[in-house]
C-alpha atoms as a PDB file:
ATOM      1  CA  UNK A   1     108.750 107.288  91.552  1.00  0.00           C
ATOM      2  CA  UNK A   2     110.620 106.003  94.573  1.00  0.00           C
ATOM      3  CA  UNK A   3     109.242 108.864  96.680  1.00  0.00           C
ATOM      4  CA  UNK A   4     105.728 107.487  96.266  1.00  0.00           C
ATOM      5  CA  UNK A   5     106.593 103.773  96.334  1.00  0.00           C
ATOM      6  CA  UNK A   6     105.086 103.001  99.763  1.00  0.00           C
ATOM      7  CA  UNK A   7     101.774 104.764  99.059  1.00  0.00           C
ATOM      8  CA  UNK A   8     100.260 101.908  97.039  1.00  0.00           C
ATOM      9  CA  UNK A   9     100.808  99.214  99.697  1.00  0.00           C
ATOM     10  CA  UNK A  10      99.612 101.614 102.409  1.00  0.00           C
ATOM     11  CA  UNK A  11      96.343 102.126 100.531  1.00  0.00           C
ATOM     12  CA  UNK A  12      95.821  98.378 100.847  1.00  0.00           C
ATOM     13  CA  UNK A  13      96.758  98.164 104.528  1.00  0.00           C
ATOM     14  CA  UNK A  14     100.201  96.691 103.889  1.00  0.00           C
ATOM     15  CA  UNK A  15     103.229  97.967 105.804  1.00  0.00           C
ATOM     16  CA  UNK A  16     106.517  98.660 104.051  1.00  0.00           C
ATOM     17  CA  UNK A  17     109.859  97.808 105.606  1.00  0.00           C
ATOM     18  CA  UNK A  18     113.565  97.836 104.857  1.00  0.00           C
ATOM     19  CA  UNK A  19     115.575  94.836 106.063  1.00  0.00           C
ATOM     20  CA  UNK A  20     119.307  94.384 106.445  1.00  0.00           C
ATOM     21  CA  UNK A  21     122.170  96.809 106.701  1.00  0.00           C
ATOM     22  CA  UNK A  22     120.576  99.220 104.246  1.00  0.00           C
ATOM     23  CA  UNK A  23     118.080 100.050 106.990  1.00  0.00           C
ATOM     24  CA  UNK A  24     120.948 101.014 109.306  1.00  0.00           C
ATOM     25  CA  UNK A  25     122.472 103.501 106.853  1.00  0.00           C
ATOM     26  CA  UNK A  26     122.096 106.836 108.684  1.00  0.00           C
ATOM     27  CA  UNK A  27     122.401 108.749 105.411  1.00  0.00           C
ATOM     28  CA  UNK A  28     119.284 106.983 104.098  1.00  0.00           C
ATOM     29  CA  UNK A  29     117.230 107.035 107.309  1.00  0.00           C
ATOM     30  CA  UNK A  30     115.728 110.439 106.540  1.00  0.00           C
ATOM     31  CA  UNK A  31     114.783 109.333 103.031  1.00  0.00           C
ATOM     32  CA  UNK A  32     113.136 106.172 104.348  1.00  0.00           C
ATOM     33  CA  UNK A  33     111.120 108.149 106.899  1.00  0.00           C
ATOM     34  CA  UNK A  34     110.115 110.841 104.422  1.00  0.00           C
ATOM     35  CA  UNK A  35     108.720 108.375 101.886  1.00  0.00           C
ATOM     36  CA  UNK A  36     106.706 106.509 104.505  1.00  0.00           C
ATOM     37  CA  UNK A  37     108.716 103.398 105.296  1.00  0.00           C
ATOM     38  CA  UNK A  38     107.048 101.848 108.354  1.00  0.00           C
ATOM     39  CA  UNK A  39     109.849  99.716 109.721  1.00  0.00           C
ATOM     40  CA  UNK A  40     113.628  99.497 109.583  1.00  0.00           C
ATOM     41  CA  UNK A  41     114.865  96.012 110.483  1.00  0.00           C
ATOM     42  CA  UNK A  42     118.551  96.087 111.380  1.00  0.00           C
ATOM     43  CA  UNK A  43     121.162  93.958 113.107  1.00  0.00           C
ATOM     44  CA  UNK A  44     121.236  94.157 116.915  1.00  0.00           C
ATOM     45  CA  UNK A  45     124.429  96.239 116.940  1.00  0.00           C
ATOM     46  CA  UNK A  46     122.732  98.896 114.796  1.00  0.00           C
ATOM     47  CA  UNK A  47     119.549  99.301 116.856  1.00  0.00           C
ATOM     48  CA  UNK A  48     120.752 101.846 119.432  1.00  0.00           C
ATOM     49  CA  UNK A  49     122.634 104.145 117.020  1.00  0.00           C
ATOM     50  CA  UNK A  50     119.689 104.083 114.600  1.00  0.00           C
ATOM     51  CA  UNK A  51     117.173 104.726 117.381  1.00  0.00           C
ATOM     52  CA  UNK A  52     119.256 107.710 118.553  1.00  0.00           C
ATOM     53  CA  UNK A  53     119.403 109.097 115.014  1.00  0.00           C
ATOM     54  CA  UNK A  54     115.644 108.693 114.489  1.00  0.00           C
ATOM     55  CA  UNK A  55     114.929 110.530 117.747  1.00  0.00           C
ATOM     56  CA  UNK A  56     117.035 113.484 116.577  1.00  0.00           C
ATOM     57  CA  UNK A  57     115.044 114.097 113.387  1.00  0.00           C
ATOM     58  CA  UNK A  58     111.426 114.798 112.471  1.00  0.00           C
ATOM     59  CA  UNK A  59     109.515 113.357 109.542  1.00  0.00           C
ATOM     60  CA  UNK A  60     108.459 116.872 108.503  1.00  0.00           C
ATOM     61  CA  UNK A  61     112.085 117.992 108.287  1.00  0.00           C
ATOM     62  CA  UNK A  62     112.944 114.836 106.341  1.00  0.00           C
ATOM     63  CA  UNK A  63     110.176 115.501 103.825  1.00  0.00           C
ATOM     64  CA  UNK A  64     111.302 119.112 103.368  1.00  0.00           C
ATOM     65  CA  UNK A  65     114.900 118.060 102.706  1.00  0.00           C
ATOM     66  CA  UNK A  66     113.799 115.310 100.313  1.00  0.00           C
ATOM     67  CA  UNK A  67     111.642 117.734  98.327  1.00  0.00           C
ATOM     68  CA  UNK A  68     114.455 120.302  98.235  1.00  0.00           C
ATOM     69  CA  UNK A  69     116.868 117.627  96.975  1.00  0.00           C
ATOM     70  CA  UNK A  70     114.416 116.385  94.355  1.00  0.00           C
ATOM     71  CA  UNK A  71     113.778 119.924  93.134  1.00  0.00           C
ATOM     72  CA  UNK A  72     117.482 120.761  92.996  1.00  0.00           C
ATOM     73  CA  UNK A  73     118.116 117.578  90.990  1.00  0.00           C
ATOM     74  CA  UNK A  74     115.459 118.634  88.473  1.00  0.00           C
ATOM     75  CA  UNK A  75     116.919 122.106  88.012  1.00  0.00           C
ATOM     76  CA  UNK A  76     120.405 120.744  87.330  1.00  0.00           C
ATOM     77  CA  UNK A  77     119.249 118.378  84.589  1.00  0.00           C
END
Protein backbone atom coordinates (compact mmCIF):
# COMPACT_ATOMS: atom_id res chain seq x y z
CA UNK A 1 0.00 0.00 0.00
CA UNK A 2 1.09 3.59 -0.45
CA UNK A 3 0.94 4.14 3.31
CA UNK A 4 3.77 1.66 3.80
CA UNK A 5 5.76 2.49 0.66
CA UNK A 6 8.71 4.20 2.40
CA UNK A 7 9.19 1.43 4.99
CA UNK A 8 11.10 -0.91 2.66
CA UNK A 9 13.76 1.64 1.63
CA UNK A 10 14.08 2.80 5.25
CA UNK A 11 14.85 -0.76 6.34
CA UNK A 12 17.80 -0.62 3.96
CA UNK A 13 19.03 2.81 5.05
CA UNK A 14 17.67 4.62 2.00
CA UNK A 15 15.87 7.94 2.37
CA UNK A 16 12.66 8.66 0.48
CA UNK A 17 11.93 12.05 -1.04
CA UNK A 18 9.37 13.85 -3.16
CA UNK A 19 10.71 16.24 -5.80
CA UNK A 20 8.96 18.95 -7.76
CA UNK A 21 5.75 20.84 -7.23
CA UNK A 22 3.99 17.79 -5.81
CA UNK A 23 6.15 18.24 -2.71
CA UNK A 24 4.83 21.79 -2.31
CA UNK A 25 1.16 20.74 -2.34
CA UNK A 26 -0.02 21.69 1.17
CA UNK A 27 -2.94 19.26 0.92
CA UNK A 28 -0.49 16.37 0.51
CA UNK A 29 2.13 17.51 3.03
CA UNK A 30 0.42 15.75 5.92
CA UNK A 31 0.15 12.53 3.93
CA UNK A 32 3.83 12.67 2.99
CA UNK A 33 4.85 13.21 6.62
CA UNK A 34 2.55 10.51 7.95
CA UNK A 35 3.90 7.82 5.62
CA UNK A 36 7.51 8.65 6.43
CA UNK A 37 8.74 10.74 3.51
CA UNK A 38 12.14 12.10 4.59
CA UNK A 39 12.50 15.07 2.29
CA UNK A 40 10.33 17.40 0.23
CA UNK A 41 12.32 19.10 -2.53
CA UNK A 42 10.47 22.14 -3.84
CA UNK A 43 11.10 25.27 -5.88
CA UNK A 44 12.63 28.22 -4.00
CA UNK A 45 9.34 30.15 -3.99
CA UNK A 46 7.62 27.26 -2.19
CA UNK A 47 10.17 26.77 0.60
CA UNK A 48 8.90 29.36 3.10
CA UNK A 49 5.17 28.58 2.78
CA UNK A 50 5.89 24.84 3.03
CA UNK A 51 8.20 25.32 6.02
CA UNK A 52 5.49 27.37 7.77
CA UNK A 53 2.90 24.67 7.09
CA UNK A 54 5.17 21.89 8.36
CA UNK A 55 5.83 23.81 11.58
CA UNK A 56 2.08 24.08 12.21
CA UNK A 57 1.43 20.33 12.15
CA UNK A 58 2.71 17.26 13.99
CA UNK A 59 3.51 13.89 12.49
CA UNK A 60 1.33 12.20 15.12
CA UNK A 61 -1.68 14.29 14.10
CA UNK A 62 -0.95 13.54 10.44
CA UNK A 63 -0.86 9.80 11.10
CA UNK A 64 -4.15 9.95 13.03
CA UNK A 65 -5.89 11.82 10.20
CA UNK A 66 -4.46 9.45 7.58
CA UNK A 67 -5.68 6.40 9.50
CA UNK A 68 -9.11 7.97 10.00
CA UNK A 69 -9.33 8.72 6.26
CA UNK A 70 -8.20 5.22 5.31
CA UNK A 71 -10.73 3.66 7.68
CA UNK A 72 -13.56 5.87 6.44
CA UNK A 73 -12.71 4.94 2.85
CA UNK A 74 -12.95 1.25 3.74
CA UNK A 75 -16.34 1.62 5.40
CA UNK A 76 -17.82 3.41 2.39
CA UNK A 77 -16.77 0.72 -0.08
